[in-house]
Amino acid sequence: MAEDNVAAEQLRLFIERIERLEEEKKGIADDVKDVYAEAKSNGYDVKTMRKIVALRKLEAHARQEADALMETYRTALGLH
């Protein structure tokens, strides 16, 4: 029975940690949203900024492959 109490306590602590982290994540997401809104109010294109942020997350070789593929598709569709 004591093991059940220990397991229940440990589970409760895990759940509470997850809940705190989810709340922090929400706060950070709100902060990111605010930064994009500020950038937009200063004349920046948020859609393009989001693409740049996504590209910067990629490793150099993955970014180069994505660029090459995009160029191939644009050429195939006559978008130059």
PDB file of N, CA and C in Angstrom:
ATOM      1  N   MET A   1       0.821  -1.197   0.000  1.00  0.00           N
ATOM      2  CA  MET A   1       0.000   0.000   0.000  1.00  0.00           C
ATOM      3  C   MET A   1       0.862   1.257   0.000  1.00  0.00           C
ATOM      4  N   ALA A   2       1.990   1.204   0.716  1.00  0.00           N
ATOM      5  CA  ALA A   2       2.888   2.354   0.750  1.00  0.00           C
ATOM      6  C   ALA A   2       3.452   2.629  -0.635  1.00  0.00           C
ATOM      7  N   GLU A   3       3.703   1.560  -1.404  1.00  0.00           N
ATOM      8  CA  GLU A   3       4.210   1.733  -2.765  1.00  0.00           C
ATOM      9  C   GLU A   3       3.187   2.458  -3.633  1.00  0.00           C
ATOM     10  N   ASP A   4       1.906   2.166  -3.418  1.00  0.00           N
ATOM     11  CA  ASP A   4       0.848   2.849  -4.167  1.00  0.00           C
ATOM     12  C   ASP A   4       0.855   4.346  -3.861  1.00  0.00           C
ATOM     13  N   ASN A   5       1.056   4.679  -2.570  1.00  0.00           N
ATOM     14  CA  ASN A   5       1.095   6.083  -2.173  1.00  0.00           C
ATOM     15  C   ASN A   5       2.293   6.798  -2.785  1.00  0.00           C
ATOM     16  N   VAL A   6       3.434   6.090  -2.805  1.00  0.00           N
ATOM     17  CA  VAL A   6       4.644   6.672  -3.379  1.00  0.00           C
ATOM     18  C   VAL A   6       4.452   6.878  -4.876  1.00  0.00           C
ATOM     19  N   ALA A   7       3.897   5.878  -5.553  1.00  0.00           N
ATOM     20  CA  ALA A   7       3.668   5.980  -6.992  1.00  0.00           C
ATOM     21  C   ALA A   7       2.665   7.094  -7.296  1.00  0.00           C
ATOM     22  N   ALA A   8       1.630   7.203  -6.509  1.00  0.00           N
ATOM     23  CA  ALA A   8       0.627   8.246  -6.711  1.00  0.00           C
ATOM     24  C   ALA A   8       1.244   9.627  -6.483  1.00  0.00           C
ATOM     25  N   GLU A   9       2.073   9.748  -5.460  1.00  0.00           N
ATOM     26  CA  GLU A   9       2.738  11.016  -5.172  1.00  0.00           C
ATOM     27  C   GLU A   9       3.686  11.393  -6.311  1.00  0.00           C
ATOM     28  N   GLN A  10       4.439  10.415  -6.794  1.00  0.00           N
ATOM     29  CA  GLN A  10       5.367  10.671  -7.891  1.00  0.00           C
ATOM     30  C   GLN A  10       4.597  11.088  -9.145  1.00  0.00           C
ATOM     31  N   LEU A  11       3.500  10.409  -9.433  1.00  0.00           N
ATOM     32  CA  LEU A  11       2.671  10.751 -10.581  1.00  0.00           C
ATOM     33  C   LEU A  11       2.132  12.167 -10.447  1.00  0.00           C
ATOM     34  N   ARG A  12       1.642  12.514  -9.255  1.00  0.00           N
ATOM     35  CA  ARG A  12       1.120  13.856  -9.017  1.00  0.00           C
ATOM     36  C   ARG A  12       2.193  14.906  -9.268  1.00  0.00           C
ATOM     37  N   LEU A  13       3.418  14.645  -8.809  1.00  0.00           N
ATOM     38  CA  LEU A  13       4.525  15.586  -9.006  1.00  0.00           C
ATOM     39  C   LEU A  13       4.870  15.743 -10.485  1.00  0.00           C
ATOM     40  N   PHE A  14       4.852  14.625 -11.229  1.00  0.00           N
ATOM     41  CA  PHE A  14       5.088  14.714 -12.668  1.00  0.00           C
ATOM     42  C   PHE A  14       4.014  15.570 -13.341  1.00  0.00           C
ATOM     43  N   ILE A  15       2.776  15.318 -13.005  1.00  0.00           N
ATOM     44  CA  ILE A  15       1.659  16.059 -13.595  1.00  0.00           C
ATOM     45  C   ILE A  15       1.785  17.547 -13.272  1.00  0.00           C
ATOM     46  N   GLU A  16       2.106  17.878 -12.041  1.00  0.00           N
ATOM     47  CA  GLU A  16       2.250  19.282 -11.659  1.00  0.00           C
ATOM     48  C   GLU A  16       3.401  19.953 -12.392  1.00  0.00           C
ATOM     49  N   ARG A  17       4.506  19.226 -12.581  1.00  0.00           N
ATOM     50  CA  ARG A  17       5.625  19.785 -13.337  1.00  0.00           C
ATOM     51  C   ARG A  17       5.219  20.056 -14.777  1.00  0.00           C
ATOM     52  N   ILE A  18       4.518  19.107 -15.373  1.00  0.00           N
ATOM     53  CA  ILE A  18       4.056  19.274 -16.750  1.00  0.00           C
ATOM     54  C   ILE A  18       3.127  20.473 -16.848  1.00  0.00           C
ATOM     55  N   GLU A  19       2.226  20.608 -15.895  1.00  0.00           N
ATOM     56  CA  GLU A  19       1.297  21.738 -15.897  1.00  0.00           C
ATOM     57  C   GLU A  19       2.037  23.069 -15.804  1.00  0.00           C
ATOM     58  N   ARG A  20       3.055  23.143 -14.948  1.00  0.00           N
ATOM     59  CA  ARG A  20       3.843  24.374 -14.826  1.00  0.00           C
ATOM     60  C   ARG A  20       4.573  24.683 -16.129  1.00  0.00           C
ATOM     61  N   LEU A  21       5.160  23.649 -16.732  1.00  0.00           N
ATOM     62  CA  LEU A  21       5.871  23.845 -17.988  1.00  0.00           C
ATOM     63  C   LEU A  21       4.926  24.263 -19.114  1.00  0.00           C
ATOM     64  N   GLU A  22       3.737  23.681 -19.143  1.00  0.00           N
ATOM     65  CA  GLU A  22       2.748  24.074 -20.149  1.00  0.00           C
ATOM     66  C   GLU A  22       2.360  25.544 -19.976  1.00  0.00           C
ATOM     67  N   GLU A  23       2.233  25.980 -18.737  1.00  0.00           N
ATOM     68  CA  GLU A  23       1.903  27.384 -18.473  1.00  0.00           C
ATOM     69  C   GLU A  23       3.050  28.292 -18.915  1.00  0.00           C
ATOM     70  N   GLU A  24       4.290  27.880 -18.641  1.00  0.00           N
ATOM     71  CA  GLU A  24       5.446  28.656 -19.082  1.00  0.00           C
ATOM     72  C   GLU A  24       5.498  28.708 -20.605  1.00  0.00           C
ATOM     73  N   LYS A  25       5.200  27.569 -21.239  1.00  0.00           N
ATOM     74  CA  LYS A  25       5.209  27.503 -22.699  1.00  0.00           C
ATOM     75  C   LYS A  25       4.177  28.465 -23.277  1.00  0.00           C
ATOM     76  N   LYS A  26       3.013  28.527 -22.655  1.00  0.00           N
ATOM     77  CA  LYS A  26       1.970  29.446 -23.103  1.00  0.00           C
ATOM     78  C   LYS A  26       2.447  30.888 -22.961  1.00  0.00           C
ATOM     79  N   GLY A  27       3.099  31.184 -21.854  1.00  0.00           N
ATOM     80  CA  GLY A  27       3.629  32.533 -21.643  1.00  0.00           C
ATOM     81  C   GLY A  27       4.666  32.901 -22.682  1.00  0.00           C
ATOM     82  N   ILE A  28       5.533  31.970 -23.015  1.00  0.00           N
ATOM     83  CA  ILE A  28       6.556  32.220 -24.026  1.00  0.00           C
ATOM     84  C   ILE A  28       5.904  32.398 -25.389  1.00  0.00           C
ATOM     85  N   ALA A  29       4.910  31.569 -25.706  1.00  0.00           N
ATOM     86  CA  ALA A  29       4.200  31.703 -26.983  1.00  0.00           C
ATOM     87  C   ALA A  29       3.541  33.076 -27.084  1.00  0.00           C
ATOM     88  N   ASP A  30       2.976  33.548 -25.984  1.00  0.00           N
ATOM     89  CA  ASP A  30       2.380  34.887 -25.967  1.00  0.00           C
ATOM     90  C   ASP A  30       3.440  35.958 -26.206  1.00  0.00           C
ATOM     91  N   ASP A  31       4.625  35.771 -25.616  1.00  0.00           N
ATOM     92  CA  ASP A  31       5.725  36.726 -25.811  1.00  0.00           C
ATOM     93  C   ASP A  31       6.165  36.755 -27.274  1.00  0.00           C
ATOM     94  N   VAL A  32       6.265  35.575 -27.888  1.00  0.00           N
ATOM     95  CA  VAL A  32       6.659  35.496 -29.299  1.00  0.00           C
ATOM     96  C   VAL A  32       5.616  36.200 -30.161  1.00  0.00           C
ATOM     97  N   LYS A  33       4.354  35.974 -29.859  1.00  0.00           N
ATOM     98  CA  LYS A  33       3.267  36.624 -30.592  1.00  0.00           C
ATOM     99  C   LYS A  33       3.391  38.149 -30.475  1.00  0.00           C
ATOM    100  N   ASP A  34       3.711  38.625 -29.280  1.00  0.00           N
ATOM    101  CA  ASP A  34       3.881  40.068 -29.067  1.00  0.00           C
ATOM    102  C   ASP A  34       5.037  40.631 -29.891  1.00  0.00           C
ATOM    103  N   VAL A  35       6.132  39.875 -29.989  1.00  0.00           N
ATOM    104  CA  VAL A  35       7.281  40.331 -30.769  1.00  0.00           C
ATOM    105  C   VAL A  35       6.913  40.422 -32.243  1.00  0.00           C
ATOM    106  N   TYR A  36       6.191  39.420 -32.752  1.00  0.00           N
ATOM    107  CA  TYR A  36       5.746  39.478 -34.144  1.00  0.00           C
ATOM    108  C   TYR A  36       4.813  40.672 -34.368  1.00  0.00           C
ATOM    109  N   ALA A  37       3.932  40.930 -33.423  1.00  0.00           N
ATOM    110  CA  ALA A  37       3.023  42.082 -33.550  1.00  0.00           C
ATOM    111  C   ALA A  37       3.808  43.383 -33.564  1.00  0.00           C
ATOM    112  N   GLU A  38       4.815  43.478 -32.725  1.00  0.00           N
ATOM    113  CA  GLU A  38       5.651  44.674 -32.692  1.00  0.00           C
ATOM    114  C   GLU A  38       6.398  44.852 -34.010  1.00  0.00           C
ATOM    115  N   ALA A  39       6.937  43.747 -34.525  1.00  0.00           N
ATOM    116  CA  ALA A  39       7.647  43.816 -35.798  1.00  0.00           C
ATOM    117  C   ALA A  39       6.699  44.255 -36.912  1.00  0.00           C
ATOM    118  N   LYS A  40       5.484  43.714 -36.903  1.00  0.00           N
ATOM    119  CA  LYS A  40       4.496  44.089 -37.921  1.00  0.00           C
ATOM    120  C   LYS A  40       4.168  45.577 -37.829  1.00  0.00           C
ATOM    121  N   SER A  41       4.037  46.081 -36.608  1.00  0.00           N
ATOM    122  CA  SER A  41       3.714  47.500 -36.440  1.00  0.00           C
ATOM    123  C   SER A  41       4.863  48.408 -36.886  1.00  0.00           C
ATOM    124  N   ASN A  42       6.060  47.811 -37.009  1.00  0.00           N
ATOM    125  CA  ASN A  42       7.216  48.556 -37.500  1.00  0.00           C
ATOM    126  C   ASN A  42       7.447  48.330 -38.992  1.00  0.00           C
ATOM    127  N   GLY A  43       6.471  47.697 -39.658  1.00  0.00           N
ATOM    128  CA  GLY A  43       6.529  47.549 -41.102  1.00  0.00           C
ATOM    129  C   GLY A  43       7.141  46.266 -41.634  1.00  0.00           C
ATOM    130  N   TYR A  44       7.485  45.338 -40.751  1.00  0.00           N
ATOM    131  CA  TYR A  44       8.065  44.082 -41.213  1.00  0.00           C
ATOM    132  C   TYR A  44       6.968  43.099 -41.599  1.00  0.00           C
ATOM    133  N   ASP A  45       7.284  42.229 -42.582  1.00  0.00           N
ATOM    134  CA  ASP A  45       6.349  41.210 -43.021  1.00  0.00           C
ATOM    135  C   ASP A  45       6.507  39.974 -42.126  1.00  0.00           C
ATOM    136  N   VAL A  46       5.518  39.717 -41.323  1.00  0.00           N
ATOM    137  CA  VAL A  46       5.587  38.651 -40.324  1.00  0.00           C
ATOM    138  C   VAL A  46       5.654  37.274 -40.976  1.00  0.00           C
ATOM    139  N   LYS A  47       4.941  37.089 -42.066  1.00  0.00           N
ATOM    140  CA  LYS A  47       4.965  35.794 -42.753  1.00  0.00           C
ATOM    141  C   LYS A  47       6.392  35.462 -43.191  1.00  0.00           C
ATOM    142  N   THR A  48       7.076  36.430 -43.746  1.00  0.00           N
ATOM    143  CA  THR A  48       8.459  36.227 -44.168  1.00  0.00           C
ATOM    144  C   THR A  48       9.363  35.997 -42.968  1.00  0.00           C
ATOM    145  N   MET A  49       9.134  36.731 -41.913  1.00  0.00           N
ATOM    146  CA  MET A  49       9.937  36.543 -40.696  1.00  0.00           C
ATOM    147  C   MET A  49       9.782  35.125 -40.163  1.00  0.00           C
ATOM    148  N   ARG A  50       8.563  34.599 -40.168  1.00  0.00           N
ATOM    149  CA  ARG A  50       8.333  33.231 -39.692  1.00  0.00           C
ATOM    150  C   ARG A  50       9.088  32.223 -40.550  1.00  0.00           C
ATOM    151  N   LYS A  51       9.113  32.463 -41.856  1.00  0.00           N
ATOM    152  CA  LYS A  51       9.861  31.569 -42.753  1.00  0.00           C
ATOM    153  C   LYS A  51      11.351  31.620 -42.440  1.00  0.00           C
ATOM    154  N   ILE A  52      11.858  32.818 -42.190  1.00  0.00           N
ATOM    155  CA  ILE A  52      13.278  32.975 -41.860  1.00  0.00           C
ATOM    156  C   ILE A  52      13.603  32.252 -40.554  1.00  0.00           C
ATOM    157  N   VAL A  53      12.748  32.396 -39.567  1.00  0.00           N
ATOM    158  CA  VAL A  53      12.963  31.705 -38.283  1.00  0.00           C
ATOM    159  C   VAL A  53      12.995  30.199 -38.503  1.00  0.00           C
ATOM    160  N   ALA A  54      12.069  29.684 -39.324  1.00  0.00           N
ATOM    161  CA  ALA A  54      12.037  28.249 -39.611  1.00  0.00           C
ATOM    162  C   ALA A  54      13.311  27.812 -40.338  1.00  0.00           C
ATOM    163  N   LEU A  55      13.773  28.622 -41.293  1.00  0.00           N
ATOM    164  CA  LEU A  55      14.996  28.290 -42.021  1.00  0.00           C
ATOM    165  C   LEU A  55      16.217  28.274 -41.105  1.00  0.00           C
ATOM    166  N   ARG A  56      16.261  29.202 -40.169  1.00  0.00           N
ATOM    167  CA  ARG A  56      17.403  29.279 -39.256  1.00  0.00           C
ATOM    168  C   ARG A  56      17.466  28.088 -38.309  1.00  0.00           C
ATOM    169  N   LYS A  57      16.341  27.416 -38.129  1.00  0.00           N
ATOM    170  CA  LYS A  57      16.317  26.230 -37.282  1.00  0.00           C
ATOM    171  C   LYS A  57      16.966  25.034 -37.985  1.00  0.00           C
ATOM    172  N   LEU A  58      16.988  25.075 -39.311  1.00  0.00           N
ATOM    173  CA  LEU A  58      17.539  23.973 -40.079  1.00  0.00           C
ATOM    174  C   LEU A  58      19.066  24.018 -40.072  1.00  0.00           C
ATOM    175  N   GLU A  59      19.662  22.840 -40.197  1.00  0.00           N
ATOM    176  CA  GLU A  59      21.107  22.791 -40.367  1.00  0.00           C
ATOM    177  C   GLU A  59      21.422  23.276 -41.781  1.00  0.00           C
ATOM    178  N   ALA A  60      22.647  23.717 -41.988  1.00  0.00           N
ATOM    179  CA  ALA A  60      23.036  24.329 -43.257  1.00  0.00           C
ATOM    180  C   ALA A  60      22.732  23.421 -44.447  1.00  0.00           C
ATOM    181  N   HIS A  61      23.081  22.148 -44.337  1.00  0.00           N
ATOM    182  CA  HIS A  61      22.856  21.255 -45.491  1.00  0.00           C
ATOM    183  C   HIS A  61      21.362  21.055 -45.763  1.00  0.00           C
ATOM    184  N   ALA A  62      20.557  20.995 -44.732  1.00  0.00           N
ATOM    185  CA  ALA A  62      19.111  20.843 -44.912  1.00  0.00           C
ATOM    186  C   ALA A  62      18.521  22.100 -45.543  1.00  0.00           C
ATOM    187  N   ARG A  63      19.020  23.258 -45.135  1.00  0.00           N
ATOM    188  CA  ARG A  63      18.566  24.524 -45.705  1.00  0.00           C
ATOM    189  C   ARG A  63      18.947  24.602 -47.181  1.00  0.00           C
ATOM    190  N   GLN A  64      20.165  24.174 -47.520  1.00  0.00           N
ATOM    191  CA  GLN A  64      20.612  24.187 -48.910  1.00  0.00           C
ATOM    192  C   GLN A  64      19.770  23.248 -49.772  1.00  0.00           C
ATOM    193  N   GLU A  65      19.442  22.075 -49.223  1.00  0.00           N
ATOM    194  CA  GLU A  65      18.598  21.129 -49.957  1.00  0.00           C
ATOM    195  C   GLU A  65      17.208  21.720 -50.187  1.00  0.00           C
ATOM    196  N   ALA A  66      16.646  22.367 -49.173  1.00  0.00           N
ATOM    197  CA  ALA A  66      15.325  22.981 -49.301  1.00  0.00           C
ATOM    198  C   ALA A  66      15.361  24.104 -50.337  1.00  0.00           C
ATOM    199  N   ASP A  67      16.428  24.909 -50.321  1.00  0.00           N
ATOM    200  CA  ASP A  67      16.570  25.993 -51.298  1.00  0.00           C
ATOM    201  C   ASP A  67      16.674  25.431 -52.718  1.00  0.00           C
ATOM    202  N   ALA A  68      17.459  24.380 -52.883  1.00  0.00           N
ATOM    203  CA  ALA A  68      17.632  23.779 -54.208  1.00  0.00           C
ATOM    204  C   ALA A  68      16.316  23.199 -54.712  1.00  0.00           C
ATOM    205  N   LEU A  69      15.593  22.537 -53.853  1.00  0.00           N
ATOM    206  CA  LEU A  69      14.309  21.969 -54.247  1.00  0.00           C
ATOM    207  C   LEU A  69      13.310  23.062 -54.609  1.00  0.00           C
ATOM    208  N   MET A  70      13.290  24.129 -53.832  1.00  0.00           N
ATOM    209  CA  MET A  70      12.401  25.252 -54.122  1.00  0.00           C
ATOM    210  C   MET A  70      12.760  25.855 -55.483  1.00  0.00           C
ATOM    211  N   GLU A  71      14.037  26.018 -55.744  1.00  0.00           N
ATOM    212  CA  GLU A  71      14.482  26.558 -57.021  1.00  0.00           C
ATOM    213  C   GLU A  71      14.071  25.638 -58.177  1.00  0.00           C
ATOM    214  N   THR A  72      14.212  24.345 -57.993  1.00  0.00           N
ATOM    215  CA  THR A  72      13.809  23.375 -59.010  1.00  0.00           C
ATOM    216  C   THR A  72      12.319  23.497 -59.308  1.00  0.00           C
ATOM    217  N   TYR A  73      11.517  23.566 -58.277  1.00  0.00           N
ATOM    218  CA  TYR A  73      10.058  23.671 -58.460  1.00  0.00           C
ATOM    219  C   TYR A  73       9.679  24.995 -59.110  1.00  0.00           C
ATOM    220  N   ARG A  74      10.315  26.074 -58.684  1.00  0.00           N
ATOM    221  CA  ARG A  74      10.010  27.393 -59.269  1.00  0.00           C
ATOM    222  C   ARG A  74      10.357  27.397 -60.756  1.00  0.00           C
ATOM    223  N   THR A  75      11.501  26.822 -61.105  1.00  0.00           N
ATOM    224  CA  THR A  75      11.903  26.754 -62.504  1.00  0.00           C
ATOM    225  C   THR A  75      10.923  25.909 -63.308  1.00  0.00           C
ATOM    226  N   ALA A  76      10.529  24.768 -62.759  1.00  0.00           N
ATOM    227  CA  ALA A  76       9.587  23.890 -63.445  1.00  0.00           C
ATOM    228  C   ALA A  76       8.237  24.578 -63.689  1.00  0.00           C
ATOM    229  N   LEU A  77       7.864  25.483 -62.803  1.00  0.00           N
ATOM    230  CA  LEU A  77       6.582  26.170 -62.926  1.00  0.00           C
ATOM    231  C   LEU A  77       6.703  27.541 -63.596  1.00  0.00           C
ATOM    232  N   GLY A  78       7.927  27.889 -64.023  1.00  0.00           N
ATOM    233  CA  GLY A  78       8.141  29.166 -64.690  1.00  0.00           C
ATOM    234  C   GLY A  78       7.945  30.369 -63.791  1.00  0.00           C
ATOM    235  N   LEU A  79       8.339  30.246 -62.538  1.00  0.00           N
ATOM    236  CA  LEU A  79       8.146  31.330 -61.569  1.00  0.00           C
ATOM    237  C   LEU A  79       9.402  32.180 -61.372  1.00  0.00           C
ATOM    238  N   HIS A  80      10.170  32.360 -62.417  1.00  0.00           N
ATOM    239  CA  HIS A  80      11.359  33.212 -62.307  1.00  0.00           C
ATOM    240  C   HIS A  80      11.151  34.527 -62.928  1.00  0.00           C
TER     241      HIS A  80
END
